[in-house]
Amino acid sequence: MTLYDQWENYGEEAKARSTEEYKKVVEKYLTKERNVYAKILSAPQVVIAGKIGELAKQHDMTDAEFLGFVDGINESLIQGPYNLHEMDANSEVKLEFDIKKLYWNMLDAKADWLYKLAQWDTLLSKEEKAEIEKEYNKSKTIVKNVKVGRNAPCICGSGKKFKKCCIDKEAAH
């Protein structure tokens, strides 16, 4: 079984035993993940690099858990993303990330336990966070164009029917 398969099946044994056990396994991982993010956000100028297995030990994680962490940060990496399916404990990674993209991706993952970390306050101003959140929300908003019927009042406000007013202008373009 590959390291990625181990990550994909993470917690399945506990899930088979009980929902409560599964919740404990997931919470334990999320705590570890939050701790790694808190550490790297506290010193973003320090790039975490090395072998998956060594980095896992440094961060009190299993190799599969650390690969899961890489999976979470993968789309935010400056030199990435990595092909996680091919990685093993000896695979080298360099976790240099784009701060704004990482914040965006945490919003997208709905990972409030990560994007609400206090360390963000020293990395991004309130205005920058608000702008990223605004752009994120805007990207998730669906805008439907209203189709104006030919016999409806014209949208320009002229009082004429659309077919006698602006539809002729559209056809000319």
C-alpha atoms as a PDB file:
ATOM      1  CA  MET A   1       0.000   0.000   0.000  1.00  0.00           C
ATOM      2  CA  THR A   2       1.433   3.385  -0.998  1.00  0.00           C
ATOM      3  CA  LEU A   3       1.817   6.218   1.445  1.00  0.00           C
ATOM      4  CA  TYR A   4      -0.972   8.073  -0.351  1.00  0.00           C
ATOM      5  CA  ASP A   5      -3.258   5.037  -0.027  1.00  0.00           C
ATOM      6  CA  GLN A   6      -2.479   4.987   3.691  1.00  0.00           C
ATOM      7  CA  TRP A   7      -3.468   8.649   3.880  1.00  0.00           C
ATOM      8  CA  GLU A   8      -6.668   8.084   1.901  1.00  0.00           C
ATOM      9  CA  ASN A   9      -7.623   5.230   4.246  1.00  0.00           C
ATOM     10  CA  TYR A  10      -6.573   7.150   7.357  1.00  0.00           C
ATOM     11  CA  GLY A  11      -8.939   6.422  10.217  1.00  0.00           C
ATOM     12  CA  GLU A  12     -10.917   3.731   8.400  1.00  0.00           C
ATOM     13  CA  GLU A  13     -10.100   1.091  11.038  1.00  0.00           C
ATOM     14  CA  ALA A  14     -11.407   3.384  13.771  1.00  0.00           C
ATOM     15  CA  LYS A  15     -14.460   4.188  11.658  1.00  0.00           C
ATOM     16  CA  ALA A  16     -15.226   0.469  11.362  1.00  0.00           C
ATOM     17  CA  ARG A  17     -15.186   0.164  15.167  1.00  0.00           C
ATOM     18  CA  SER A  18     -17.319   3.209  16.019  1.00  0.00           C
ATOM     19  CA  THR A  19     -18.165   6.751  15.052  1.00  0.00           C
ATOM     20  CA  GLU A  20     -16.758   8.013  18.346  1.00  0.00           C
ATOM     21  CA  GLU A  21     -13.387   6.347  17.736  1.00  0.00           C
ATOM     22  CA  TYR A  22     -13.273   7.815  14.240  1.00  0.00           C
ATOM     23  CA  LYS A  23     -14.001  11.299  15.597  1.00  0.00           C
ATOM     24  CA  LYS A  24     -11.122  10.914  18.066  1.00  0.00           C
ATOM     25  CA  VAL A  25      -8.710   9.892  15.292  1.00  0.00           C
ATOM     26  CA  VAL A  26      -9.766  12.812  13.109  1.00  0.00           C
ATOM     27  CA  GLU A  27      -9.560  15.309  15.988  1.00  0.00           C
ATOM     28  CA  LYS A  28      -6.089  14.019  16.872  1.00  0.00           C
ATOM     29  CA  TYR A  29      -4.942  14.579  13.279  1.00  0.00           C
ATOM     30  CA  LEU A  30      -6.537  18.038  13.058  1.00  0.00           C
ATOM     31  CA  THR A  31      -4.748  19.049  16.259  1.00  0.00           C
ATOM     32  CA  LYS A  32      -1.421  17.910  14.789  1.00  0.00           C
ATOM     33  CA  GLU A  33      -2.199  19.735  11.544  1.00  0.00           C
ATOM     34  CA  ARG A  34      -3.107  22.923  13.414  1.00  0.00           C
ATOM     35  CA  ASN A  35       0.158  22.715  15.382  1.00  0.00           C
ATOM     36  CA  VAL A  36       2.250  22.404  12.200  1.00  0.00           C
ATOM     37  CA  TYR A  37       0.448  25.354  10.601  1.00  0.00           C
ATOM     38  CA  ALA A  38       0.871  27.436  13.761  1.00  0.00           C
ATOM     39  CA  LYS A  39       4.607  26.671  13.667  1.00  0.00           C
ATOM     40  CA  ILE A  40       5.135  27.463   9.992  1.00  0.00           C
ATOM     41  CA  LEU A  41       2.973  30.591  10.108  1.00  0.00           C
ATOM     42  CA  SER A  42       4.964  31.832  13.115  1.00  0.00           C
ATOM     43  CA  ALA A  43       8.132  31.802  11.001  1.00  0.00           C
ATOM     44  CA  PRO A  44       7.091  31.918   7.322  1.00  0.00           C
ATOM     45  CA  GLN A  45      10.600  32.893   6.235  1.00  0.00           C
ATOM     46  CA  VAL A  46      11.814  29.431   7.376  1.00  0.00           C
ATOM     47  CA  VAL A  47      11.114  26.952   4.600  1.00  0.00           C
ATOM     48  CA  ILE A  48      10.370  23.417   5.747  1.00  0.00           C
ATOM     49  CA  ALA A  49      12.271  21.044   3.500  1.00  0.00           C
ATOM     50  CA  GLY A  50      13.433  17.460   3.708  1.00  0.00           C
ATOM     51  CA  LYS A  51      12.234  13.892   3.454  1.00  0.00           C
ATOM     52  CA  ILE A  52       8.629  13.070   4.323  1.00  0.00           C
ATOM     53  CA  GLY A  53       9.701  10.545   6.964  1.00  0.00           C
ATOM     54  CA  GLU A  54      12.117  12.938   8.697  1.00  0.00           C
ATOM     55  CA  LEU A  55       9.666  15.837   8.642  1.00  0.00           C
ATOM     56  CA  ALA A  56       6.928  13.573  10.006  1.00  0.00           C
ATOM     57  CA  LYS A  57       9.094  12.702  13.028  1.00  0.00           C
ATOM     58  CA  GLN A  58       9.996  16.367  13.579  1.00  0.00           C
ATOM     59  CA  HIS A  59       6.297  17.245  13.727  1.00  0.00           C
ATOM     60  CA  ASP A  60       5.172  14.232  15.792  1.00  0.00           C
ATOM     61  CA  MET A  61       3.251  12.705  12.899  1.00  0.00           C
ATOM     62  CA  THR A  62       3.239   9.422  11.034  1.00  0.00           C
ATOM     63  CA  ASP A  63       4.514   9.451   7.446  1.00  0.00           C
ATOM     64  CA  ALA A  64       0.906   9.158   6.195  1.00  0.00           C
ATOM     65  CA  GLU A  65      -0.222  12.048   8.419  1.00  0.00           C
ATOM     66  CA  PHE A  66       2.575  14.274   7.149  1.00  0.00           C
ATOM     67  CA  LEU A  67       1.712  13.360   3.569  1.00  0.00           C
ATOM     68  CA  GLY A  68      -1.850  14.406   4.475  1.00  0.00           C
ATOM     69  CA  PHE A  69      -0.449  17.722   5.650  1.00  0.00           C
ATOM     70  CA  VAL A  70       1.404  18.102   2.332  1.00  0.00           C
ATOM     71  CA  ASP A  71      -1.873  17.240   0.593  1.00  0.00           C
ATOM     72  CA  GLY A  72      -3.537  20.136   2.412  1.00  0.00           C
ATOM     73  CA  ILE A  73      -0.852  22.708   1.590  1.00  0.00           C
ATOM     74  CA  ASN A  74      -0.003  21.308  -1.865  1.00  0.00           C
ATOM     75  CA  GLU A  75      -2.027  23.780  -3.958  1.00  0.00           C
ATOM     76  CA  SER A  76      -0.519  26.726  -2.039  1.00  0.00           C
ATOM     77  CA  LEU A  77       3.103  25.795  -2.692  1.00  0.00           C
ATOM     78  CA  ILE A  78       5.251  28.065  -4.811  1.00  0.00           C
ATOM     79  CA  GLN A  79       7.069  25.062  -6.331  1.00  0.00           C
ATOM     80  CA  GLY A  80       4.267  22.578  -6.604  1.00  0.00           C
ATOM     81  CA  PRO A  81       1.972  20.856  -6.506  1.00  0.00           C
ATOM     82  CA  TYR A  82       3.580  17.502  -5.798  1.00  0.00           C
ATOM     83  CA  ASN A  83       2.317  14.243  -7.261  1.00  0.00           C
ATOM     84  CA  LEU A  84       1.370  12.686  -3.927  1.00  0.00           C
ATOM     85  CA  HIS A  85       0.635   9.272  -5.436  1.00  0.00           C
ATOM     86  CA  GLU A  86       4.331   8.784  -6.152  1.00  0.00           C
ATOM     87  CA  MET A  87       5.663   9.885  -2.775  1.00  0.00           C
ATOM     88  CA  ASP A  88       7.076   7.715  -0.023  1.00  0.00           C
ATOM     89  CA  ALA A  89       8.928   8.320   3.249  1.00  0.00           C
ATOM     90  CA  ASN A  90      12.139   9.148   1.335  1.00  0.00           C
ATOM     91  CA  SER A  91      10.530  11.680  -1.012  1.00  0.00           C
ATOM     92  CA  GLU A  92      11.911  15.201  -0.688  1.00  0.00           C
ATOM     93  CA  VAL A  93       9.562  18.140  -0.253  1.00  0.00           C
ATOM     94  CA  LYS A  94      10.041  21.873   0.010  1.00  0.00           C
ATOM     95  CA  LEU A  95       7.062  23.555   1.645  1.00  0.00           C
ATOM     96  CA  GLU A  96       7.557  27.146   0.514  1.00  0.00           C
ATOM     97  CA  PHE A  97       4.075  28.609   0.199  1.00  0.00           C
ATOM     98  CA  ASP A  98       2.258  31.696  -1.039  1.00  0.00           C
ATOM     99  CA  ILE A  99       0.693  33.239   2.082  1.00  0.00           C
ATOM    100  CA  LYS A 100      -2.336  34.778   0.356  1.00  0.00           C
ATOM    101  CA  LYS A 101      -3.016  31.643  -1.658  1.00  0.00           C
ATOM    102  CA  LEU A 102      -2.753  29.529   1.503  1.00  0.00           C
ATOM    103  CA  TYR A 103      -5.286  31.756   3.281  1.00  0.00           C
ATOM    104  CA  TRP A 104      -7.620  31.505   0.256  1.00  0.00           C
ATOM    105  CA  ASN A 105      -7.279  27.713   0.176  1.00  0.00           C
ATOM    106  CA  MET A 106      -8.046  27.475   3.890  1.00  0.00           C
ATOM    107  CA  LEU A 107     -11.207  29.476   3.285  1.00  0.00           C
ATOM    108  CA  ASP A 108     -12.046  27.171   0.398  1.00  0.00           C
ATOM    109  CA  ALA A 109     -11.527  24.098   2.591  1.00  0.00           C
ATOM    110  CA  LYS A 110     -13.754  25.699   5.232  1.00  0.00           C
ATOM    111  CA  ALA A 111     -10.916  25.044   7.690  1.00  0.00           C
ATOM    112  CA  ASP A 112     -11.815  27.659  10.294  1.00  0.00           C
ATOM    113  CA  TRP A 113      -9.482  25.980  12.818  1.00  0.00           C
ATOM    114  CA  LEU A 114      -6.683  27.033  10.434  1.00  0.00           C
ATOM    115  CA  TYR A 115      -7.687  30.370   8.937  1.00  0.00           C
ATOM    116  CA  LYS A 116      -8.597  31.666  12.399  1.00  0.00           C
ATOM    117  CA  LEU A 117      -5.132  30.962  13.832  1.00  0.00           C
ATOM    118  CA  ALA A 118      -3.709  33.997  15.635  1.00  0.00           C
ATOM    119  CA  GLN A 119      -0.529  33.813  13.520  1.00  0.00           C
ATOM    120  CA  TRP A 120      -2.438  35.189  10.520  1.00  0.00           C
ATOM    121  CA  ASP A 121      -2.731  38.538  12.293  1.00  0.00           C
ATOM    122  CA  THR A 122       1.024  39.111  11.940  1.00  0.00           C
ATOM    123  CA  LEU A 123       1.130  37.912   8.338  1.00  0.00           C
ATOM    124  CA  LEU A 124      -1.875  39.635   6.795  1.00  0.00           C
ATOM    125  CA  SER A 125      -3.550  42.876   7.798  1.00  0.00           C
ATOM    126  CA  LYS A 126      -7.270  42.923   8.518  1.00  0.00           C
ATOM    127  CA  GLU A 127      -7.727  44.681   5.197  1.00  0.00           C
ATOM    128  CA  GLU A 128      -5.755  42.025   3.297  1.00  0.00           C
ATOM    129  CA  LYS A 129      -7.729  39.211   4.939  1.00  0.00           C
ATOM    130  CA  ALA A 130     -10.989  41.028   4.207  1.00  0.00           C
ATOM    131  CA  GLU A 131      -9.976  41.505   0.557  1.00  0.00           C
ATOM    132  CA  ILE A 132      -9.060  37.811   0.180  1.00  0.00           C
ATOM    133  CA  GLU A 133     -12.354  36.813   1.819  1.00  0.00           C
ATOM    134  CA  LYS A 134     -14.253  39.191  -0.459  1.00  0.00           C
ATOM    135  CA  GLU A 135     -12.580  37.772  -3.579  1.00  0.00           C
ATOM    136  CA  TYR A 136     -13.145  34.227  -2.322  1.00  0.00           C
ATOM    137  CA  ASN A 137     -16.860  34.880  -1.705  1.00  0.00           C
ATOM    138  CA  LYS A 138     -17.144  36.612  -5.068  1.00  0.00           C
ATOM    139  CA  SER A 139     -15.652  33.556  -6.778  1.00  0.00           C
ATOM    140  CA  LYS A 140     -18.319  31.350  -5.191  1.00  0.00           C
ATOM    141  CA  THR A 141     -21.252  33.582  -6.146  1.00  0.00           C
ATOM    142  CA  ILE A 142     -23.308  32.469  -9.104  1.00  0.00           C
ATOM    143  CA  VAL A 143     -24.562  35.304 -11.264  1.00  0.00           C
ATOM    144  CA  LYS A 144     -27.382  34.565 -13.660  1.00  0.00           C
ATOM    145  CA  ASN A 145     -27.904  36.921 -16.546  1.00  0.00           C
ATOM    146  CA  VAL A 146     -31.512  37.961 -16.838  1.00  0.00           C
ATOM    147  CA  LYS A 147     -32.826  37.359 -20.320  1.00  0.00           C
ATOM    148  CA  VAL A 148     -34.978  40.223 -21.461  1.00  0.00           C
ATOM    149  CA  GLY A 149     -37.937  39.254 -23.588  1.00  0.00           C
ATOM    150  CA  ARG A 150     -38.445  41.023 -26.913  1.00  0.00           C
ATOM    151  CA  ASN A 151     -41.742  42.557 -25.774  1.00  0.00           C
ATOM    152  CA  ALA A 152     -40.560  43.527 -22.264  1.00  0.00           C
ATOM    153  CA  PRO A 153     -39.818  47.156 -21.450  1.00  0.00           C
ATOM    154  CA  CYS A 154     -36.288  48.015 -22.513  1.00  0.00           C
ATOM    155  CA  ILE A 155     -33.629  47.751 -19.818  1.00  0.00           C
ATOM    156  CA  CYS A 156     -32.197  51.148 -20.740  1.00  0.00           C
ATOM    157  CA  GLY A 157     -35.301  52.825 -19.312  1.00  0.00           C
ATOM    158  CA  SER A 158     -36.483  54.461 -22.547  1.00  0.00           C
ATOM    159  CA  GLY A 159     -40.035  53.161 -22.112  1.00  0.00           C
ATOM    160  CA  LYS A 160     -39.942  51.456 -25.502  1.00  0.00           C
ATOM    161  CA  LYS A 161     -40.209  47.716 -25.988  1.00  0.00           C
ATOM    162  CA  PHE A 162     -36.833  46.001 -25.997  1.00  0.00           C
ATOM    163  CA  LYS A 163     -37.310  44.843 -29.612  1.00  0.00           C
ATOM    164  CA  LYS A 164     -37.812  48.459 -30.768  1.00  0.00           C
ATOM    165  CA  CYS A 165     -34.923  49.886 -28.745  1.00  0.00           C
ATOM    166  CA  CYS A 166     -31.754  48.122 -27.636  1.00  0.00           C
ATOM    167  CA  ILE A 167     -32.204  44.800 -29.450  1.00  0.00           C
ATOM    168  CA  ASP A 168     -31.518  46.655 -32.685  1.00  0.00           C
ATOM    169  CA  LYS A 169     -28.318  48.092 -31.134  1.00  0.00           C
ATOM    170  CA  GLU A 170     -27.187  44.583 -30.046  1.00  0.00           C
ATOM    171  CA  ALA A 171     -27.765  43.205 -33.534  1.00  0.00           C
ATOM    172  CA  ALA A 172     -25.612  45.990 -34.999  1.00  0.00           C
ATOM    173  CA  HIS A 173     -22.580  44.831 -32.927  1.00  0.00           C
END
